[in-house]
Amino acid sequence: MEVGRAFRTLKSTLELRPIYHRKDERIKAHVLLCFLALVLARIAEGQTGLTWDKIRAIMERMHLGEFQSKDGRPLQRAELTPEQSNILKKLNISPLPKLYRIDLKG
């Protein structure tokens, strides 16, 4: 039950709709994904000292802005909060560069 709850939490973060499986290999794959989701959540909790719900609440406030101009379309990451920086550091994850991508019109 805990594996399923952890996967539902991750699915809601990714905004995935429910999927129902009938074939054995798909059911096994779904269970494996649930298990991996739980492992990732527990690792994140262990490394940060925070609950998964708290980690998710803090990290989902991180935004990537898309800007339009006559010259192109830059994508820029919002400034990280100290909490977000701390979580990424504890998880040994490098943040996206502030200016993520620029699509120039040619």
PDB file of N, CA and C in Angstrom:
ATOM      1  N   MET A   1       0.822  -1.191   0.000  1.00  0.00           N
ATOM      2  CA  MET A   1       0.000   0.000   0.000  1.00  0.00           C
ATOM      3  C   MET A   1       0.864   1.252   0.000  1.00  0.00           C
ATOM      4  N   GLU A   2       1.976   1.180   0.737  1.00  0.00           N
ATOM      5  CA  GLU A   2       2.861   2.337   0.791  1.00  0.00           C
ATOM      6  C   GLU A   2       3.503   2.605  -0.567  1.00  0.00           C
ATOM      7  N   VAL A   3       3.857   1.544  -1.288  1.00  0.00           N
ATOM      8  CA  VAL A   3       4.431   1.696  -2.633  1.00  0.00           C
ATOM      9  C   VAL A   3       3.420   2.373  -3.544  1.00  0.00           C
ATOM     10  N   GLY A   4       2.184   1.901  -3.512  1.00  0.00           N
ATOM     11  CA  GLY A   4       1.141   2.498  -4.346  1.00  0.00           C
ATOM     12  C   GLY A   4       0.905   3.959  -4.003  1.00  0.00           C
ATOM     13  N   ARG A   5       0.902   4.297  -2.708  1.00  0.00           N
ATOM     14  CA  ARG A   5       0.713   5.685  -2.275  1.00  0.00           C
ATOM     15  C   ARG A   5       1.860   6.563  -2.762  1.00  0.00           C
ATOM     16  N   ALA A   6       3.090   6.061  -2.664  1.00  0.00           N
ATOM     17  CA  ALA A   6       4.244   6.835  -3.137  1.00  0.00           C
ATOM     18  C   ALA A   6       4.156   7.067  -4.634  1.00  0.00           C
ATOM     19  N   PHE A   7       3.743   6.041  -5.380  1.00  0.00           N
ATOM     20  CA  PHE A   7       3.640   6.210  -6.825  1.00  0.00           C
ATOM     21  C   PHE A   7       2.516   7.178  -7.177  1.00  0.00           C
ATOM     22  N   ARG A   8       1.388   7.131  -6.449  1.00  0.00           N
ATOM     23  CA  ARG A   8       0.300   8.079  -6.706  1.00  0.00           C
ATOM     24  C   ARG A   8       0.770   9.502  -6.458  1.00  0.00           C
ATOM     25  N   THR A   9       1.585   9.698  -5.426  1.00  0.00           N
ATOM     26  CA  THR A   9       2.134  11.025  -5.150  1.00  0.00           C
ATOM     27  C   THR A   9       2.990  11.493  -6.315  1.00  0.00           C
ATOM     28  N   LEU A  10       3.855  10.621  -6.813  1.00  0.00           N
ATOM     29  CA  LEU A  10       4.709  10.993  -7.938  1.00  0.00           C
ATOM     30  C   LEU A  10       3.891  11.209  -9.202  1.00  0.00           C
ATOM     31  N   LYS A  11       2.863  10.380  -9.422  1.00  0.00           N
ATOM     32  CA  LYS A  11       2.013  10.544 -10.609  1.00  0.00           C
ATOM     33  C   LYS A  11       1.285  11.877 -10.565  1.00  0.00           C
ATOM     34  N   SER A  12       0.846  12.301  -9.374  1.00  0.00           N
ATOM     35  CA  SER A  12       0.146  13.581  -9.302  1.00  0.00           C
ATOM     36  C   SER A  12       1.115  14.726  -9.574  1.00  0.00           C
ATOM     37  N   THR A  13       2.349  14.586  -9.141  1.00  0.00           N
ATOM     38  CA  THR A  13       3.368  15.596  -9.436  1.00  0.00           C
ATOM     39  C   THR A  13       3.574  15.711 -10.941  1.00  0.00           C
ATOM     40  N   LEU A  14       3.592  14.569 -11.621  1.00  0.00           N
ATOM     41  CA  LEU A  14       3.778  14.561 -13.073  1.00  0.00           C
ATOM     42  C   LEU A  14       2.466  14.762 -13.832  1.00  0.00           C
ATOM     43  N   GLU A  15       1.351  14.869 -13.094  1.00  0.00           N
ATOM     44  CA  GLU A  15       0.027  15.061 -13.667  1.00  0.00           C
ATOM     45  C   GLU A  15      -0.327  13.958 -14.664  1.00  0.00           C
ATOM     46  N   LEU A  16      -0.066  12.717 -14.264  1.00  0.00           N
ATOM     47  CA  LEU A  16      -0.416  11.569 -15.093  1.00  0.00           C
ATOM     48  C   LEU A  16      -1.805  11.082 -14.733  1.00  0.00           C
ATOM     49  N   ARG A  17      -2.528  10.576 -15.711  1.00  0.00           N
ATOM     50  CA  ARG A  17      -3.860  10.023 -15.439  1.00  0.00           C
ATOM     51  C   ARG A  17      -3.711   8.556 -15.034  1.00  0.00           C
ATOM     52  N   PRO A  18      -4.733   8.020 -14.341  1.00  0.00           N
ATOM     53  CA  PRO A  18      -4.654   6.601 -13.957  1.00  0.00           C
ATOM     54  C   PRO A  18      -4.595   5.698 -15.188  1.00  0.00           C
ATOM     55  N   ILE A  19      -3.854   4.617 -15.048  1.00  0.00           N
ATOM     56  CA  ILE A  19      -3.724   3.644 -16.131  1.00  0.00           C
ATOM     57  C   ILE A  19      -4.069   2.278 -15.559  1.00  0.00           C
ATOM     58  N   TYR A  20      -4.920   1.557 -16.267  1.00  0.00           N
ATOM     59  CA  TYR A  20      -5.321   0.232 -15.818  1.00  0.00           C
ATOM     60  C   TYR A  20      -4.727  -0.802 -16.757  1.00  0.00           C
ATOM     61  N   HIS A  21      -4.089  -1.834 -16.172  1.00  0.00           N
ATOM     62  CA  HIS A  21      -3.381  -2.834 -16.960  1.00  0.00           C
ATOM     63  C   HIS A  21      -4.102  -4.178 -16.903  1.00  0.00           C
ATOM     64  N   ARG A  22      -4.014  -4.916 -18.001  1.00  0.00           N
ATOM     65  CA  ARG A  22      -4.571  -6.261 -18.052  1.00  0.00           C
ATOM     66  C   ARG A  22      -3.493  -7.306 -18.315  1.00  0.00           C
ATOM     67  N   LYS A  23      -2.469  -6.936 -19.055  1.00  0.00           N
ATOM     68  CA  LYS A  23      -1.416  -7.887 -19.410  1.00  0.00           C
ATOM     69  C   LYS A  23      -0.414  -8.025 -18.272  1.00  0.00           C
ATOM     70  N   ASP A  24       0.031  -9.272 -18.063  1.00  0.00           N
ATOM     71  CA  ASP A  24       0.950  -9.554 -16.955  1.00  0.00           C
ATOM     72  C   ASP A  24       2.208  -8.694 -17.001  1.00  0.00           C
ATOM     73  N   GLU A  25       2.814  -8.559 -18.190  1.00  0.00           N
ATOM     74  CA  GLU A  25       4.071  -7.803 -18.255  1.00  0.00           C
ATOM     75  C   GLU A  25       3.853  -6.331 -17.917  1.00  0.00           C
ATOM     76  N   ARG A  26       2.698  -5.786 -18.234  1.00  0.00           N
ATOM     77  CA  ARG A  26       2.414  -4.382 -17.891  1.00  0.00           C
ATOM     78  C   ARG A  26       2.151  -4.225 -16.398  1.00  0.00           C
ATOM     79  N   ILE A  27       1.475  -5.198 -15.814  1.00  0.00           N
ATOM     80  CA  ILE A  27       1.243  -5.163 -14.368  1.00  0.00           C
ATOM     81  C   ILE A  27       2.575  -5.234 -13.630  1.00  0.00           C
ATOM     82  N   LYS A  28       3.455  -6.142 -14.064  1.00  0.00           N
ATOM     83  CA  LYS A  28       4.775  -6.263 -13.435  1.00  0.00           C
ATOM     84  C   LYS A  28       5.577  -4.974 -13.592  1.00  0.00           C
ATOM     85  N   ALA A  29       5.515  -4.373 -14.770  1.00  0.00           N
ATOM     86  CA  ALA A  29       6.230  -3.118 -15.003  1.00  0.00           C
ATOM     87  C   ALA A  29       5.673  -2.012 -14.102  1.00  0.00           C
ATOM     88  N   HIS A  30       4.360  -1.966 -13.938  1.00  0.00           N
ATOM     89  CA  HIS A  30       3.734  -0.960 -13.083  1.00  0.00           C
ATOM     90  C   HIS A  30       4.182  -1.129 -11.631  1.00  0.00           C
ATOM     91  N   VAL A  31       4.193  -2.371 -11.150  1.00  0.00           N
ATOM     92  CA  VAL A  31       4.634  -2.638  -9.780  1.00  0.00           C
ATOM     93  C   VAL A  31       6.098  -2.238  -9.608  1.00  0.00           C
ATOM     94  N   LEU A  32       6.934  -2.541 -10.596  1.00  0.00           N
ATOM     95  CA  LEU A  32       8.341  -2.154 -10.533  1.00  0.00           C
ATOM     96  C   LEU A  32       8.480  -0.633 -10.470  1.00  0.00           C
ATOM     97  N   LEU A  33       7.715   0.075 -11.289  1.00  0.00           N
ATOM     98  CA  LEU A  33       7.761   1.543 -11.257  1.00  0.00           C
ATOM     99  C   LEU A  33       7.301   2.082  -9.906  1.00  0.00           C
ATOM    100  N   CYS A  34       6.266   1.469  -9.333  1.00  0.00           N
ATOM    101  CA  CYS A  34       5.813   1.872  -7.997  1.00  0.00           C
ATOM    102  C   CYS A  34       6.927   1.690  -6.976  1.00  0.00           C
ATOM    103  N   PHE A  35       7.598   0.554  -7.052  1.00  0.00           N
ATOM    104  CA  PHE A  35       8.698   0.278  -6.130  1.00  0.00           C
ATOM    105  C   PHE A  35       9.826   1.296  -6.313  1.00  0.00           C
ATOM    106  N   LEU A  36      10.205   1.568  -7.555  1.00  0.00           N
ATOM    107  CA  LEU A  36      11.271   2.541  -7.818  1.00  0.00           C
ATOM    108  C   LEU A  36      10.879   3.941  -7.343  1.00  0.00           C
ATOM    109  N   ALA A  37       9.610   4.306  -7.521  1.00  0.00           N
ATOM    110  CA  ALA A  37       9.130   5.606  -7.049  1.00  0.00           C
ATOM    111  C   ALA A  37       9.271   5.700  -5.534  1.00  0.00           C
ATOM    112  N   LEU A  38       8.918   4.639  -4.849  1.00  0.00           N
ATOM    113  CA  LEU A  38       9.047   4.620  -3.387  1.00  0.00           C
ATOM    114  C   LEU A  38      10.510   4.720  -2.972  1.00  0.00           C
ATOM    115  N   VAL A  39      11.373   3.990  -3.652  1.00  0.00           N
ATOM    116  CA  VAL A  39      12.808   4.037  -3.330  1.00  0.00           C
ATOM    117  C   VAL A  39      13.344   5.462  -3.522  1.00  0.00           C
ATOM    118  N   LEU A  40      12.992   6.090  -4.645  1.00  0.00           N
ATOM    119  CA  LEU A  40      13.455   7.460  -4.889  1.00  0.00           C
ATOM    120  C   LEU A  40      12.943   8.428  -3.836  1.00  0.00           C
ATOM    121  N   ALA A  41      11.673   8.287  -3.465  1.00  0.00           N
ATOM    122  CA  ALA A  41      11.108   9.162  -2.435  1.00  0.00           C
ATOM    123  C   ALA A  41      11.829   8.950  -1.108  1.00  0.00           C
ATOM    124  N   ARG A  42      12.086   7.713  -0.750  1.00  0.00           N
ATOM    125  CA  ARG A  42      12.759   7.421   0.528  1.00  0.00           C
ATOM    126  C   ARG A  42      14.207   7.905   0.514  1.00  0.00           C
ATOM    127  N   ILE A  43      14.887   7.764  -0.605  1.00  0.00           N
ATOM    128  CA  ILE A  43      16.258   8.289  -0.705  1.00  0.00           C
ATOM    129  C   ILE A  43      16.250   9.796  -0.527  1.00  0.00           C
ATOM    130  N   ALA A  44      15.329  10.472  -1.199  1.00  0.00           N
ATOM    131  CA  ALA A  44      15.233  11.932  -1.083  1.00  0.00           C
ATOM    132  C   ALA A  44      14.936  12.332   0.360  1.00  0.00           C
ATOM    133  N   GLU A  45      14.040  11.608   1.010  1.00  0.00           N
ATOM    134  CA  GLU A  45      13.730  11.910   2.408  1.00  0.00           C
ATOM    135  C   GLU A  45      14.959  11.696   3.299  1.00  0.00           C
ATOM    136  N   GLY A  46      15.653  10.594   3.084  1.00  0.00           N
ATOM    137  CA  GLY A  46      16.837  10.304   3.891  1.00  0.00           C
ATOM    138  C   GLY A  46      17.956  11.310   3.702  1.00  0.00           C
ATOM    139  N   GLN A  47      18.160  11.743   2.474  1.00  0.00           N
ATOM    140  CA  GLN A  47      19.245  12.684   2.183  1.00  0.00           C
ATOM    141  C   GLN A  47      18.942  14.100   2.666  1.00  0.00           C
ATOM    142  N   THR A  48      17.651  14.479   2.664  1.00  0.00           N
ATOM    143  CA  THR A  48      17.293  15.860   3.006  1.00  0.00           C
ATOM    144  C   THR A  48      16.786  16.025   4.430  1.00  0.00           C
ATOM    145  N   GLY A  49      16.315  14.928   5.041  1.00  0.00           N
ATOM    146  CA  GLY A  49      15.721  15.035   6.369  1.00  0.00           C
ATOM    147  C   GLY A  49      14.304  15.601   6.337  1.00  0.00           C
ATOM    148  N   LEU A  50      13.717  15.687   5.138  1.00  0.00           N
ATOM    149  CA  LEU A  50      12.354  16.212   4.963  1.00  0.00           C
ATOM    150  C   LEU A  50      11.437  15.099   4.478  1.00  0.00           C
ATOM    151  N   THR A  51      10.140  15.288   4.667  1.00  0.00           N
ATOM    152  CA  THR A  51       9.184  14.329   4.116  1.00  0.00           C
ATOM    153  C   THR A  51       9.071  14.552   2.615  1.00  0.00           C
ATOM    154  N   TRP A  52       8.594  13.526   1.906  1.00  0.00           N
ATOM    155  CA  TRP A  52       8.420  13.654   0.463  1.00  0.00           C
ATOM    156  C   TRP A  52       7.416  14.760   0.144  1.00  0.00           C
ATOM    157  N   ASP A  53       6.345  14.872   0.922  1.00  0.00           N
ATOM    158  CA  ASP A  53       5.353  15.927   0.677  1.00  0.00           C
ATOM    159  C   ASP A  53       5.981  17.312   0.800  1.00  0.00           C
ATOM    160  N   LYS A  54       6.865  17.493   1.777  1.00  0.00           N
ATOM    161  CA  LYS A  54       7.537  18.790   1.964  1.00  0.00           C
ATOM    162  C   LYS A  54       8.508  19.059   0.809  1.00  0.00           C
ATOM    163  N   ILE A  55       9.276  18.049   0.416  1.00  0.00           N
ATOM    164  CA  ILE A  55      10.204  18.205  -0.713  1.00  0.00           C
ATOM    165  C   ILE A  55       9.438  18.612  -1.958  1.00  0.00           C
ATOM    166  N   ARG A  56       8.350  17.901  -2.222  1.00  0.00           N
ATOM    167  CA  ARG A  56       7.542  18.181  -3.413  1.00  0.00           C
ATOM    168  C   ARG A  56       6.969  19.591  -3.355  1.00  0.00           C
ATOM    169  N   ALA A  57       6.453  20.003  -2.200  1.00  0.00           N
ATOM    170  CA  ALA A  57       5.859  21.337  -2.066  1.00  0.00           C
ATOM    171  C   ALA A  57       6.903  22.431  -2.328  1.00  0.00           C
ATOM    172  N   ILE A  58       8.107  22.213  -1.846  1.00  0.00           N
ATOM    173  CA  ILE A  58       9.174  23.210  -2.049  1.00  0.00           C
ATOM    174  C   ILE A  58       9.624  23.228  -3.501  1.00  0.00           C
ATOM    175  N   MET A  59       9.852  22.051  -4.081  1.00  0.00           N
ATOM    176  CA  MET A  59      10.420  21.986  -5.426  1.00  0.00           C
ATOM    177  C   MET A  59       9.409  22.334  -6.523  1.00  0.00           C
ATOM    178  N   GLU A  60       8.121  22.134  -6.272  1.00  0.00           N
ATOM    179  CA  GLU A  60       7.164  22.450  -7.333  1.00  0.00           C
ATOM    180  C   GLU A  60       6.958  23.955  -7.487  1.00  0.00           C
ATOM    181  N   ARG A  61       7.540  24.740  -6.586  1.00  0.00           N
ATOM    182  CA  ARG A  61       7.502  26.197  -6.743  1.00  0.00           C
ATOM    183  C   ARG A  61       8.624  26.701  -7.645  1.00  0.00           C
ATOM    184  N   MET A  62       9.491  25.805  -8.096  1.00  0.00           N
ATOM    185  CA  MET A  62      10.562  26.176  -9.016  1.00  0.00           C
ATOM    186  C   MET A  62       9.958  26.304 -10.420  1.00  0.00           C
ATOM    187  N   HIS A  63      10.237  27.390 -11.087  1.00  0.00           N
ATOM    188  CA  HIS A  63       9.606  27.651 -12.383  1.00  0.00           C
ATOM    189  C   HIS A  63      10.640  27.897 -13.473  1.00  0.00           C
ATOM    190  N   LEU A  64      10.225  27.611 -14.686  1.00  0.00           N
ATOM    191  CA  LEU A  64      11.007  27.900 -15.877  1.00  0.00           C
ATOM    192  C   LEU A  64      10.158  28.817 -16.735  1.00  0.00           C
ATOM    193  N   GLY A  65      10.613  30.061 -16.915  1.00  0.00           N
ATOM    194  CA  GLY A  65       9.856  31.045 -17.687  1.00  0.00           C
ATOM    195  C   GLY A  65      10.205  30.976 -19.160  1.00  0.00           C
ATOM    196  N   GLU A  66       9.177  31.118 -19.977  1.00  0.00           N
ATOM    197  CA  GLU A  66       9.364  31.150 -21.431  1.00  0.00           C
ATOM    198  C   GLU A  66       9.035  32.554 -21.903  1.00  0.00           C
ATOM    199  N   PHE A  67       9.949  33.159 -22.611  1.00  0.00           N
ATOM    200  CA  PHE A  67       9.778  34.532 -23.062  1.00  0.00           C
ATOM    201  C   PHE A  67       9.825  34.563 -24.588  1.00  0.00           C
ATOM    202  N   GLN A  68       8.998  35.386 -25.174  1.00  0.00           N
ATOM    203  CA  GLN A  68       8.948  35.518 -26.627  1.00  0.00           C
ATOM    204  C   GLN A  68       9.475  36.893 -27.026  1.00  0.00           C
ATOM    205  N   SER A  69      10.235  36.931 -28.087  1.00  0.00           N
ATOM    206  CA  SER A  69      10.663  38.202 -28.670  1.00  0.00           C
ATOM    207  C   SER A  69      10.784  38.011 -30.175  1.00  0.00           C
ATOM    208  N   LYS A  70      11.015  39.087 -30.867  1.00  0.00           N
ATOM    209  CA  LYS A  70      11.164  38.980 -32.326  1.00  0.00           C
ATOM    210  C   LYS A  70      12.431  38.215 -32.711  1.00  0.00           C
ATOM    211  N   ASP A  71      13.389  38.113 -31.780  1.00  0.00           N
ATOM    212  CA  ASP A  71      14.662  37.462 -32.061  1.00  0.00           C
ATOM    213  C   ASP A  71      14.723  35.997 -31.635  1.00  0.00           C
ATOM    214  N   GLY A  72      13.772  35.557 -30.818  1.00  0.00           N
ATOM    215  CA  GLY A  72      13.828  34.166 -30.379  1.00  0.00           C
ATOM    216  C   GLY A  72      12.978  33.915 -29.158  1.00  0.00           C
ATOM    217  N   ARG A  73      13.241  32.771 -28.546  1.00  0.00           N
ATOM    218  CA  ARG A  73      12.444  32.313 -27.404  1.00  0.00           C
ATOM    219  C   ARG A  73      13.375  31.772 -26.321  1.00  0.00           C
ATOM    220  N   PRO A  74      13.810  32.620 -25.378  1.00  0.00           N
ATOM    221  CA  PRO A  74      14.663  32.115 -24.297  1.00  0.00           C
ATOM    222  C   PRO A  74      13.830  31.465 -23.191  1.00  0.00           C
ATOM    223  N   LEU A  75      14.406  30.465 -22.566  1.00  0.00           N
ATOM    224  CA  LEU A  75      13.822  29.836 -21.385  1.00  0.00           C
ATOM    225  C   LEU A  75      14.734  30.173 -20.213  1.00  0.00           C
ATOM    226  N   GLN A  76      14.160  30.744 -19.157  1.00  0.00           N
ATOM    227  CA  GLN A  76      14.964  31.181 -18.023  1.00  0.00           C
ATOM    228  C   GLN A  76      14.401  30.608 -16.729  1.00  0.00           C
ATOM    229  N   ARG A  77      15.282  30.011 -15.938  1.00  0.00           N
ATOM    230  CA  ARG A  77      14.899  29.468 -14.643  1.00  0.00           C
ATOM    231  C   ARG A  77      14.769  30.597 -13.640  1.00  0.00           C
ATOM    232  N   ALA A  78      13.720  30.516 -12.816  1.00  0.00           N
ATOM    233  CA  ALA A  78      13.559  31.498 -11.744  1.00  0.00           C
ATOM    234  C   ALA A  78      14.680  31.311 -10.721  1.00  0.00           C
ATOM    235  N   GLU A  79      14.953  32.350  -9.988  1.00  0.00           N
ATOM    236  CA  GLU A  79      15.961  32.270  -8.933  1.00  0.00           C
ATOM    237  C   GLU A  79      15.526  31.220  -7.918  1.00  0.00           C
ATOM    238  N   LEU A  80      16.446  30.367  -7.531  1.00  0.00           N
ATOM    239  CA  LEU A  80      16.124  29.324  -6.561  1.00  0.00           C
ATOM    240  C   LEU A  80      16.025  29.912  -5.166  1.00  0.00           C
ATOM    241  N   THR A  81      15.079  29.397  -4.392  1.00  0.00           N
ATOM    242  CA  THR A  81      14.997  29.796  -2.990  1.00  0.00           C
ATOM    243  C   THR A  81      16.112  29.070  -2.230  1.00  0.00           C
ATOM    244  N   PRO A  82      16.465  29.568  -1.052  1.00  0.00           N
ATOM    245  CA  PRO A  82      17.472  28.843  -0.257  1.00  0.00           C
ATOM    246  C   PRO A  82      17.059  27.396   0.031  1.00  0.00           C
ATOM    247  N   GLU A  83      15.764  27.161   0.268  1.00  0.00           N
ATOM    248  CA  GLU A  83      15.284  25.793   0.519  1.00  0.00           C
ATOM    249  C   GLU A  83      15.506  24.901  -0.695  1.00  0.00           C
ATOM    250  N   GLN A  84      15.189  25.412  -1.889  1.00  0.00           N
ATOM    251  CA  GLN A  84      15.370  24.636  -3.119  1.00  0.00           C
ATOM    252  C   GLN A  84      16.849  24.340  -3.348  1.00  0.00           C
ATOM    253  N   SER A  85      17.682  25.339  -3.183  1.00  0.00           N
ATOM    254  CA  SER A  85      19.134  25.136  -3.344  1.00  0.00           C
ATOM    255  C   SER A  85      19.654  24.092  -2.373  1.00  0.00           C
ATOM    256  N   ASN A  86      19.177  24.147  -1.139  1.00  0.00           N
ATOM    257  CA  ASN A  86      19.617  23.206  -0.121  1.00  0.00           C
ATOM    258  C   ASN A  86      19.199  21.778  -0.468  1.00  0.00           C
ATOM    259  N   ILE A  87      17.969  21.593  -0.931  1.00  0.00           N
ATOM    260  CA  ILE A  87      17.498  20.256  -1.323  1.00  0.00           C
ATOM    261  C   ILE A  87      18.336  19.715  -2.472  1.00  0.00           C
ATOM    262  N   LEU A  88      18.542  20.517  -3.501  1.00  0.00           N
ATOM    263  CA  LEU A  88      19.338  20.067  -4.646  1.00  0.00           C
ATOM    264  C   LEU A  88      20.759  19.717  -4.221  1.00  0.00           C
ATOM    265  N   LYS A  89      21.326  20.534  -3.353  1.00  0.00           N
ATOM    266  CA  LYS A  89      22.691  20.275  -2.877  1.00  0.00           C
ATOM    267  C   LYS A  89      22.756  18.957  -2.101  1.00  0.00           C
ATOM    268  N   LYS A  90      21.786  18.731  -1.213  1.00  0.00           N
ATOM    269  CA  LYS A  90      21.774  17.500  -0.421  1.00  0.00           C
ATOM    270  C   LYS A  90      21.560  16.268  -1.299  1.00  0.00           C
ATOM    271  N   LEU A  91      20.857  16.423  -2.410  1.00  0.00           N
ATOM    272  CA  LEU A  91      20.617  15.308  -3.323  1.00  0.00           C
ATOM    273  C   LEU A  91      21.689  15.199  -4.402  1.00  0.00           C
ATOM    274  N   ASN A  92      22.692  16.095  -4.340  1.00  0.00           N
ATOM    275  CA  ASN A  92      23.778  16.109  -5.316  1.00  0.00           C
ATOM    276  C   ASN A  92      23.253  16.257  -6.746  1.00  0.00           C
ATOM    277  N   ILE A  93      22.297  17.181  -6.904  1.00  0.00           N
ATOM    278  CA  ILE A  93      21.704  17.470  -8.216  1.00  0.00           C
ATOM    279  C   ILE A  93      22.080  18.899  -8.595  1.00  0.00           C
ATOM    280  N   SER A  94      22.673  19.053  -9.762  1.00  0.00           N
ATOM    281  CA  SER A  94      23.013  20.390 -10.243  1.00  0.00           C
ATOM    282  C   SER A  94      21.754  21.063 -10.788  1.00  0.00           C
ATOM    283  N   PRO A  95      21.507  22.319 -10.378  1.00  0.00           N
ATOM    284  CA  PRO A  95      20.334  23.008 -10.917  1.00  0.00           C
ATOM    285  C   PRO A  95      20.531  23.343 -12.390  1.00  0.00           C
ATOM    286  N   LEU A  96      19.429  23.506 -13.088  1.00  0.00           N
ATOM    287  CA  LEU A  96      19.523  23.973 -14.477  1.00  0.00           C
ATOM    288  C   LEU A  96      20.231  25.319 -14.486  1.00  0.00           C
ATOM    289  N   PRO A  97      20.952  25.626 -15.559  1.00  0.00           N
ATOM    290  CA  PRO A  97      21.532  26.967 -15.641  1.00  0.00           C
ATOM    291  C   PRO A  97      20.415  28.011 -15.646  1.00  0.00           C
ATOM    292  N   LYS A  98      20.719  29.203 -15.162  1.00  0.00           N
ATOM    293  CA  LYS A  98      19.707  30.274 -15.093  1.00  0.00           C
ATOM    294  C   LYS A  98      19.079  30.518 -16.464  1.00  0.00           C
ATOM    295  N   LEU A  99      19.891  30.602 -17.491  1.00  0.00           N
ATOM    296  CA  LEU A  99      19.376  30.727 -18.856  1.00  0.00           C
ATOM    297  C   LEU A  99      19.483  29.344 -19.471  1.00  0.00           C
ATOM    298  N   TYR A 100      18.344  28.676 -19.594  1.00  0.00           N
ATOM    299  CA  TYR A 100      18.340  27.262 -19.960  1.00  0.00           C
ATOM    300  C   TYR A 100      18.510  27.040 -21.434  1.00  0.00           C
ATOM    301  N   ARG A 101      17.768  27.755 -22.249  1.00  0.00           N
ATOM    302  CA  ARG A 101      17.834  27.504 -23.692  1.00  0.00           C
ATOM    303  C   ARG A 101      17.375  28.763 -24.414  1.00  0.00           C
ATOM    304  N   ILE A 102      17.967  28.983 -25.557  1.00  0.00           N
ATOM    305  CA  ILE A 102      17.528  30.087 -26.409  1.00  0.00           C
ATOM    306  C   ILE A 102      17.299  29.545 -27.805  1.00  0.00           C
ATOM    307  N   ASP A 103      16.082  29.646 -28.272  1.00  0.00           N
ATOM    308  CA  ASP A 103      15.755  29.270 -29.647  1.00  0.00           C
ATOM    309  C   ASP A 103      15.756  30.547 -30.485  1.00  0.00           C
ATOM    310  N   LEU A 104      16.781  30.729 -31.302  1.00  0.00           N
ATOM    311  CA  LEU A 104      16.877  31.925 -32.123  1.00  0.00           C
ATOM    312  C   LEU A 104      16.125  31.735 -33.420  1.00  0.00           C
ATOM    313  N   LYS A 105      15.452  32.782 -33.821  1.00  0.00           N
ATOM    314  CA  LYS A 105      14.770  32.751 -35.113  1.00  0.00           C
ATOM    315  C   LYS A 105      15.797  33.114 -36.176  1.00  0.00           C
ATOM    316  N   GLY A 106      15.768  32.380 -37.253  1.00  0.00           N
ATOM    317  CA  GLY A 106      16.806  32.586 -38.252  1.00  0.00           C
ATOM    318  C   GLY A 106      16.357  33.090 -39.520  1.00  0.00           C
TER     319      GLY A 106
END
